[in-house]
Protein backbone atom coordinates (compact mmCIF):
# COMPACT_ATOMS: atom_id res chain seq x y z
CA MET A 1 251.44 178.38 204.03
CA ILE A 2 250.64 181.46 206.16
CA LYS A 3 247.59 182.18 203.99
CA LYS A 4 246.33 178.63 204.51
CA ARG A 5 246.84 178.86 208.27
CA ILE A 6 244.70 182.03 208.44
CA ILE A 7 241.84 180.33 206.60
CA ASP A 8 242.22 177.15 208.66
CA SER A 9 242.13 179.17 211.89
CA PHE A 10 239.00 181.00 210.79
CA GLU A 11 237.22 177.77 209.83
CA GLN A 12 238.17 176.04 213.09
CA GLU A 13 237.11 178.95 215.29
CA PHE A 14 233.86 179.51 213.43
CA ALA A 15 232.93 175.82 213.63
CA ALA A 16 233.64 175.93 217.37
CA TYR A 17 231.47 179.03 217.79
CA ILE A 18 228.49 177.51 215.96
CA GLY A 19 229.06 174.07 217.50
CA THR A 20 229.43 172.10 214.26
CA LYS A 21 232.09 169.65 213.16
CA TYR A 22 232.90 171.59 210.00
CA ALA A 23 233.00 175.15 208.71
CA ILE A 24 234.13 176.14 205.22
CA GLY A 25 234.81 179.76 204.34
CA THR A 26 233.44 181.24 201.11
CA SER A 27 233.83 184.50 199.23
CA MET A 28 230.26 185.59 200.08
CA GLY A 29 227.04 184.33 201.63
CA ARG A 30 225.47 183.82 198.23
CA THR A 31 228.38 181.73 196.98
CA ALA A 32 228.07 179.67 200.16
CA LEU A 33 224.50 178.77 199.21
CA PHE A 34 225.49 177.94 195.64
CA ALA A 35 228.28 175.65 196.90
CA VAL A 36 225.90 173.85 199.30
CA LEU A 37 223.29 173.25 196.60
CA LYS A 38 225.94 171.93 194.23
CA ALA A 39 227.43 169.75 196.97
CA ILE A 40 224.11 168.03 197.74
CA GLY A 41 223.69 167.29 194.03
CA VAL A 42 221.03 169.74 192.85
CA GLU A 43 220.43 169.13 189.17
CA GLU A 44 218.09 170.23 186.41
CA ASN A 45 214.40 170.19 187.44
CA ASP A 46 215.14 169.46 191.10
CA GLU A 47 212.73 171.52 193.20
CA ILE A 48 214.06 173.62 196.07
CA ILE A 49 211.45 175.03 198.44
CA MET A 50 212.13 178.42 200.03
CA PRO A 51 210.11 181.25 201.62
CA ALA A 52 208.53 183.65 199.12
CA TYR A 53 209.68 186.59 201.23
CA ILE A 54 213.40 186.19 200.69
CA CYS A 55 216.40 187.82 199.04
CA GLU A 56 216.71 187.26 195.29
CA VAL A 57 220.16 185.65 195.59
CA VAL A 58 218.52 182.53 197.07
CA PRO A 59 216.46 181.55 194.01
CA ASN A 60 219.31 182.79 191.78
CA SER A 61 221.56 180.08 193.25
CA VAL A 62 218.97 177.46 192.40
CA LEU A 63 218.48 178.80 188.87
CA LYS A 64 222.22 178.77 188.23
CA LEU A 65 222.14 175.00 188.75
CA ASN A 66 219.01 174.70 186.55
CA GLY A 67 216.93 173.78 189.56
CA VAL A 68 213.39 175.03 190.18
CA PRO A 69 212.68 177.52 193.00
CA ILE A 70 209.37 176.74 194.71
CA PHE A 71 208.03 179.45 197.00
CA VAL A 72 206.25 178.68 200.25
CA ASP A 73 204.11 181.34 201.92
CA ILE A 74 204.89 182.69 205.38
CA ASN A 75 202.85 183.48 208.47
CA LEU A 76 201.65 187.03 209.03
CA THR A 77 202.46 186.79 212.73
CA ASP A 78 206.12 185.72 212.80
CA TYR A 79 207.23 185.78 209.12
CA HIS A 80 208.15 182.10 209.31
CA ILE A 81 207.20 179.33 206.91
CA SER A 82 203.53 178.31 206.75
CA LEU A 83 203.69 174.63 207.72
CA SER A 84 200.40 173.77 206.01
CA HIS A 85 201.52 175.36 202.74
CA LEU A 86 204.90 173.63 203.01
CA GLN A 87 203.27 170.21 203.26
CA SER A 88 201.23 170.88 200.12
CA LEU A 89 204.36 171.69 198.09
CA ILE A 90 206.55 168.66 198.84
CA ASN A 91 206.62 165.99 196.13
CA SER A 92 208.97 163.45 194.58
CA LYS A 93 211.00 166.22 192.91
CA THR A 94 211.71 168.06 196.17
CA LYS A 95 215.46 168.01 196.77
CA ALA A 96 215.82 170.49 199.62
CA ILE A 97 214.04 173.02 201.80
CA ILE A 98 215.77 176.31 202.56
CA ILE A 99 214.63 177.95 205.77
CA ASN A 100 215.41 181.58 206.50
CA HIS A 101 215.98 182.75 210.07
CA ILE A 102 214.62 186.05 208.87
CA PHE A 103 215.74 189.27 210.56
CA GLY A 104 217.53 187.13 213.19
CA TYR A 105 214.43 185.23 214.40
CA PRO A 106 215.06 181.44 214.44
CA GLU A 107 212.63 179.29 212.48
CA ASP A 108 210.70 176.46 214.19
CA VAL A 109 213.15 173.86 212.92
CA ASP A 110 211.70 170.88 214.80
CA ALA A 111 208.26 171.41 213.25
CA ILE A 112 209.79 171.48 209.77
CA LYS A 113 211.86 168.37 210.50
CA GLU A 114 208.69 166.54 211.55
CA ILE A 115 207.22 167.25 208.13
CA ILE A 116 210.39 166.15 206.32
CA ASP A 117 210.55 162.91 208.32
CA LYS A 118 207.17 161.83 206.92
CA TYR A 119 208.78 161.27 203.51
CA GLU A 120 210.94 158.30 202.54
CA GLN A 121 213.07 160.33 200.13
CA LYS A 122 216.01 162.36 201.38
CA ILE A 123 215.06 166.03 201.63
CA PHE A 124 217.94 168.25 202.71
CA LEU A 125 217.29 171.02 205.23
CA ILE A 126 219.45 174.10 204.59
CA GLU A 127 219.54 177.06 206.96
CA ASP A 128 219.91 180.57 205.58
CA ALA A 129 221.45 182.18 208.65
CA ALA A 130 222.65 185.37 206.96
CA HIS A 131 220.57 187.48 209.37
CA ALA A 132 221.07 185.32 212.42
CA LEU A 133 224.73 185.02 213.40
CA GLY A 134 224.66 184.23 217.12
CA ALA A 135 220.94 183.40 217.38
CA GLU A 136 219.88 180.23 219.23
CA TYR A 137 217.07 177.70 218.98
CA LYS A 138 216.42 175.40 221.95
CA GLY A 139 219.90 175.97 223.30
CA ARG A 140 221.72 175.38 220.01
CA LYS A 141 223.26 177.98 217.74
CA VAL A 142 221.50 178.66 214.48
CA GLY A 143 223.67 177.01 211.83
CA ASN A 144 223.78 173.74 213.78
CA LEU A 145 220.20 172.63 213.15
CA GLY A 146 219.94 171.25 209.61
CA ASP A 147 222.07 169.39 207.05
CA ALA A 148 224.02 172.57 206.30
CA ALA A 149 223.81 176.32 206.89
CA ILE A 150 225.10 179.44 205.19
CA PHE A 151 226.29 182.73 206.71
CA SER A 152 227.08 186.20 205.40
CA PHE A 153 229.35 188.19 207.69
CA SER A 154 228.77 191.64 206.22
CA LYS A 155 225.36 191.77 207.94
CA LYS A 156 227.06 192.10 211.33
CA LEU A 157 230.74 192.85 210.81
CA ILE A 158 232.84 195.26 208.76
CA THR A 159 234.23 192.94 206.09
CA ILE A 160 235.24 192.83 202.44
CA GLY A 161 232.65 190.20 201.72
CA GLY A 162 233.02 186.76 203.17
CA GLY A 163 230.66 183.94 204.04
CA ALA A 164 230.75 180.45 205.49
CA ILE A 165 229.06 177.08 205.43
CA THR A 166 228.60 174.94 208.53
CA THR A 167 227.64 171.29 208.67
CA ASN A 168 228.00 168.12 210.74
CA ASN A 169 227.82 165.88 207.66
CA SER A 170 231.31 164.72 206.63
CA LEU A 171 230.25 163.82 203.07
CA ILE A 172 228.63 167.22 202.48
CA ALA A 173 231.69 168.93 203.98
CA GLU A 174 234.07 167.04 201.68
CA ASN A 175 231.96 167.83 198.61
CA ILE A 176 231.84 171.50 199.55
CA LYS A 177 235.60 171.65 200.07
CA LYS A 178 236.23 170.14 196.64
CA ILE A 179 233.91 172.68 195.02
CA VAL A 180 235.10 175.73 196.96
CA TYR A 181 238.83 175.01 197.17
CA ALA A 182 238.99 174.40 193.42
CA SER A 183 237.74 177.94 192.85
CA LYS A 184 239.33 181.37 193.17
CA ASP A 185 238.57 184.26 195.52
CA LEU A 186 236.79 187.49 194.55
CA HIS A 187 238.17 189.95 192.01
CA LEU A 188 239.89 192.94 193.66
CA ILE A 189 237.24 195.36 192.34
CA ASN A 190 234.51 193.28 193.96
CA LYS A 191 236.40 193.24 197.26
CA ILE A 192 236.66 197.03 197.21
CA PHE A 193 232.97 197.30 196.37
CA PHE A 194 231.84 194.99 199.17
CA GLY A 195 234.32 196.45 201.64
CA ILE A 196 232.98 200.00 201.27
CA LEU A 197 229.39 198.75 201.19
CA SER A 198 229.96 196.75 204.38
CA TYR A 199 231.50 199.71 206.19
CA ILE A 200 228.62 202.03 205.34
CA ASP A 201 226.00 199.38 206.02
CA ARG A 202 227.59 198.42 209.34
CA SER A 203 228.07 201.96 210.59
CA ARG A 204 224.85 203.17 208.92
CA ILE A 205 225.36 206.85 209.57
CA ASN A 206 221.88 208.30 209.29
CA SER A 207 222.63 211.10 206.87
CA LYS A 208 221.79 212.08 203.33
CA LEU A 209 225.46 211.72 202.41
CA SER A 210 225.47 208.07 203.47
CA GLN A 211 222.34 207.46 201.39
CA LYS A 212 223.99 209.01 198.33
CA LEU A 213 227.03 206.80 198.88
CA MET A 214 224.78 203.73 199.19
CA LYS A 215 223.04 204.67 195.94
CA PHE A 216 226.40 205.11 194.19
CA LEU A 217 227.59 201.71 195.39
CA GLU A 218 224.38 200.05 194.26
CA ASP A 219 224.90 201.49 190.77
CA PHE A 220 228.67 200.92 190.77
CA PRO A 221 228.70 197.35 189.37
CA LYS A 222 226.23 198.31 186.64
CA LYS A 223 228.40 201.25 185.57
CA PHE A 224 231.59 199.18 185.57
CA SER A 225 230.25 195.83 184.44
CA LEU A 226 233.15 195.32 182.04
CA ILE A 227 235.58 195.50 184.95
CA THR A 228 233.55 193.44 187.37
CA LYS A 229 232.61 190.91 184.68
CA SER A 230 228.92 190.24 184.18
CA TYR A 231 226.75 192.06 186.73
CA LYS A 232 223.95 189.55 186.41
CA GLU A 233 226.10 186.47 186.94
CA GLY A 234 229.34 187.83 188.39
CA LEU A 235 227.94 189.89 191.23
CA LYS A 236 224.71 188.05 191.90
CA ILE A 237 226.28 184.60 192.06
CA PRO A 238 230.03 185.02 191.42
CA ASN A 239 232.02 182.10 190.09
CA GLU A 240 234.72 182.89 192.66
CA LEU A 241 233.72 180.79 195.68
CA MET A 242 236.88 180.67 197.77
CA ILE A 243 237.36 182.87 200.82
CA SER A 244 240.58 184.89 200.69
CA PRO A 245 243.07 185.09 203.57
CA VAL A 246 242.33 188.82 203.89
CA GLN A 247 238.62 188.16 204.26
CA ALA A 248 239.29 185.37 206.77
CA PHE A 249 241.62 187.63 208.77
CA PHE A 250 239.07 190.46 209.04
CA ILE A 251 236.26 188.12 210.07
CA LEU A 252 238.42 186.21 212.56
CA TRP A 253 239.56 189.50 214.12
CA GLN A 254 235.96 190.62 214.73
CA LEU A 255 234.27 187.30 215.47
CA LYS A 256 234.93 187.59 219.20
CA LYS A 257 232.80 190.77 219.23
CA ILE A 258 229.66 189.24 217.78
CA ASP A 259 227.91 188.42 221.08
CA GLU A 260 228.58 191.94 222.35
CA ILE A 261 227.25 193.41 219.09
CA ASN A 262 224.09 191.31 219.31
CA LYS A 263 223.52 192.25 222.95
CA LYS A 264 223.77 195.95 222.15
CA CYS A 265 221.45 195.74 219.12
CA ASN A 266 218.88 193.74 221.09
CA SER A 267 218.94 196.37 223.85
CA TYR A 268 218.23 199.08 221.26
CA GLN A 269 215.33 197.00 219.97
CA ASN A 270 213.89 196.88 223.48
CA VAL A 271 213.98 200.68 223.69
CA LEU A 272 212.06 201.01 220.42
CA ASP A 273 209.60 198.25 221.40
CA ILE A 274 208.68 200.04 224.62
CA SER A 275 208.30 203.38 222.84
CA LEU A 276 206.11 202.07 220.03
CA LYS A 277 204.06 199.35 221.73
CA GLU A 278 200.97 201.56 222.22
CA CYS A 279 200.87 202.86 218.64
CA LYS A 280 197.75 201.55 216.88
CA LYS A 281 198.88 202.40 213.35
CA ILE A 282 201.68 199.84 213.26
CA ASP A 283 202.69 196.43 214.50
CA ILE A 284 206.23 195.53 215.52
CA LEU A 285 207.81 192.15 214.92
CA LYS A 286 208.82 190.65 218.26
CA ASN A 287 210.32 187.41 219.47
CA ASP A 288 207.82 185.87 221.89
CA LYS A 289 209.06 182.27 221.63
CA GLU A 290 210.55 181.03 224.88
CA ASP A 291 212.61 178.31 223.20
CA SER A 292 214.65 180.67 221.00
CA HIS A 293 216.98 183.64 221.32
CA HIS A 294 216.89 186.09 218.43
CA VAL A 295 219.47 188.65 217.34
CA CYS A 296 218.27 192.01 216.07
CA SER A 297 219.70 192.76 212.63
CA TRP A 298 216.91 195.07 211.50
CA TYR A 299 214.09 196.70 213.41
CA ILE A 300 210.82 195.68 211.78
CA ILE A 301 207.74 197.91 211.52
CA ILE A 302 204.53 196.63 209.90
CA PHE A 303 202.29 199.47 208.79
CA ASN A 304 198.53 199.06 208.73
CA ASP A 305 198.33 201.15 205.60
CA GLU A 306 200.74 201.38 202.65
CA LYS A 307 200.04 205.08 202.07
CA LEU A 308 200.83 205.79 205.71
CA MET A 309 204.11 203.92 205.35
CA LYS A 310 205.13 206.04 202.35
CA ASN A 311 204.27 209.31 204.13
CA VAL A 312 206.08 208.38 207.34
CA THR A 313 209.12 207.09 205.44
CA TYR A 314 209.37 210.29 203.39
CA ASN A 315 208.97 212.61 206.39
CA LEU A 316 211.50 210.69 208.47
CA ARG A 317 214.07 210.97 205.70
CA GLN A 318 213.87 214.74 206.01
CA ASN A 319 215.00 214.23 209.62
CA ASN A 320 217.79 211.81 208.71
CA VAL A 321 215.98 208.69 209.92
CA PHE A 322 215.98 206.13 207.13
CA LEU A 323 213.28 203.51 207.00
CA SER A 324 213.00 201.43 203.86
CA LYS A 325 211.22 198.42 202.46
CA PHE A 326 213.36 195.32 202.80
CA TRP A 327 212.10 194.06 199.43
CA GLU A 328 210.02 196.39 197.29
CA ILE A 329 207.84 193.68 195.78
CA PRO A 330 207.75 189.91 196.20
CA LEU A 331 210.20 188.04 193.99
CA ILE A 332 207.35 186.09 192.52
CA GLU A 333 206.19 189.31 190.81
CA GLN A 334 209.64 190.18 189.48
CA ASN A 335 210.48 187.23 187.31
CA GLY A 336 208.31 185.53 184.73
CA GLN A 337 210.27 182.29 184.92
CA TYR A 338 208.83 181.24 188.28
CA ARG A 339 206.03 178.68 188.15
CA GLN A 340 203.86 180.32 190.79
CA SER A 341 201.92 183.56 191.00
CA VAL A 342 201.12 186.09 193.73
CA THR A 343 197.87 184.25 194.48
CA ASP A 344 199.94 181.31 195.77
CA VAL A 345 201.65 183.39 198.47
CA PRO A 346 199.17 186.05 199.66
CA ASN A 347 200.78 186.59 203.07
CA SER A 348 204.20 187.21 201.52
CA VAL A 349 202.72 189.77 199.13
CA LYS A 350 200.99 191.60 201.97
CA ILE A 351 204.12 191.57 204.12
CA ALA A 352 206.36 192.85 201.32
CA ARG A 353 204.09 195.82 200.74
CA LYS A 354 203.64 196.88 204.36
CA THR A 355 206.94 196.05 206.04
CA SER A 356 209.61 198.67 206.66
CA VAL A 357 212.98 198.09 208.25
CA PHE A 358 215.53 200.17 210.12
CA LYS A 359 219.10 198.90 210.09
CA MET A 360 220.13 198.20 213.68
CA SER A 361 223.77 199.13 214.09
CA PRO A 362 225.87 198.75 217.26
CA ASN A 363 227.47 202.09 216.35
CA LEU A 364 224.27 203.83 217.36
CA SER A 365 224.04 205.25 220.88
CA ASN A 366 221.30 205.17 223.51
CA ASN A 367 220.70 208.84 222.81
CA SER A 368 220.35 208.33 219.05
CA ILE A 369 217.90 205.45 219.57
CA THR A 370 215.81 207.67 221.86
CA ILE A 371 215.77 210.42 219.23
CA ILE A 372 214.81 207.94 216.51
CA SER A 373 211.93 206.58 218.59
CA GLN A 374 210.70 210.14 219.32
CA LYS A 375 210.74 211.05 215.63
CA LEU A 376 208.90 207.85 214.74
CA ILE A 377 206.18 208.58 217.30
CA GLU A 378 205.88 212.18 216.11
CA GLU A 379 205.36 211.13 212.50
CA LEU A 380 202.97 208.31 213.34
CA THR A 381 200.94 210.65 215.56
CA LYS A 382 200.49 213.40 212.96
CA SER A 383 200.17 211.17 209.86
CA THR A 384 196.74 210.09 208.72
């Protein structure tokens, strides 16, 4: 009974924070997406449209239900969905569109809804808000804009995994509850794995030791696949969908801090923006939309030249400043089972090859951000 009360309290408080009628806790963000897709009835050959520049767990959820991931290109300017390309992809097989509030920048939801409304068939709009906990679009919290939304708390909080689904649709909520509550929570080994990973990722101590630990954790499930079940299926899209009371407790305990965390990270972004705005060798991704409020999860640097990016990244690592590509290559190049090719999403390919990210942690200080900006400028000034 106590365990149920903890989960109930988490779901009620999270729904209140986002402003939705319902919130359902899940073991992870990726299991949240799987549960949503199953709840809306995704079946074999149903097409799910999603940005090409996105984490691999998104198409993996679709593939697990035998659906078909369809990739839409993104804009070079704001990394959001290309509306013209989106319109060309929708057909009678389109079941849902997944939008990604990438790096904490809210998508133009109203423009996408206008496109969806042109079709007689029901096309579900699902928000991937894993990067955007606390962000707002036209005065409403991200996660309260579509048919359903998914969250991953490890991007902002120190957790042992844990995700959530929000929705205002009672039928979708009931379907999700049946699917999730009938499942189990994560295996203990997986909880330990995600707990340590979350701590390091959240604190992101810029040191070579932390990088070695990150590398070990990335290899951990591969080395112990017999313990953690199948790496490909068990860790990518686990069958354990239910949030545990321990996960709910940790998230609930920290949820009240999220606005403070976002405010601090956004202030650090402003420091870096001011320092780097005159540099001609890079562009920086900024939120210049008056109708939205972003939350800085990663600091984004777009290099004009891929060789320059590699040189700067390497040199900065020697000074314990760790830039990295968010995704090494577009997903569309990684898997032969997708129907499309790189020629279908040229902007996404370009962005994947020239975009570097710096994890923005609230554990950083004003002094450390100043040092990081100085080192960035030094390397960009001397690199050719």
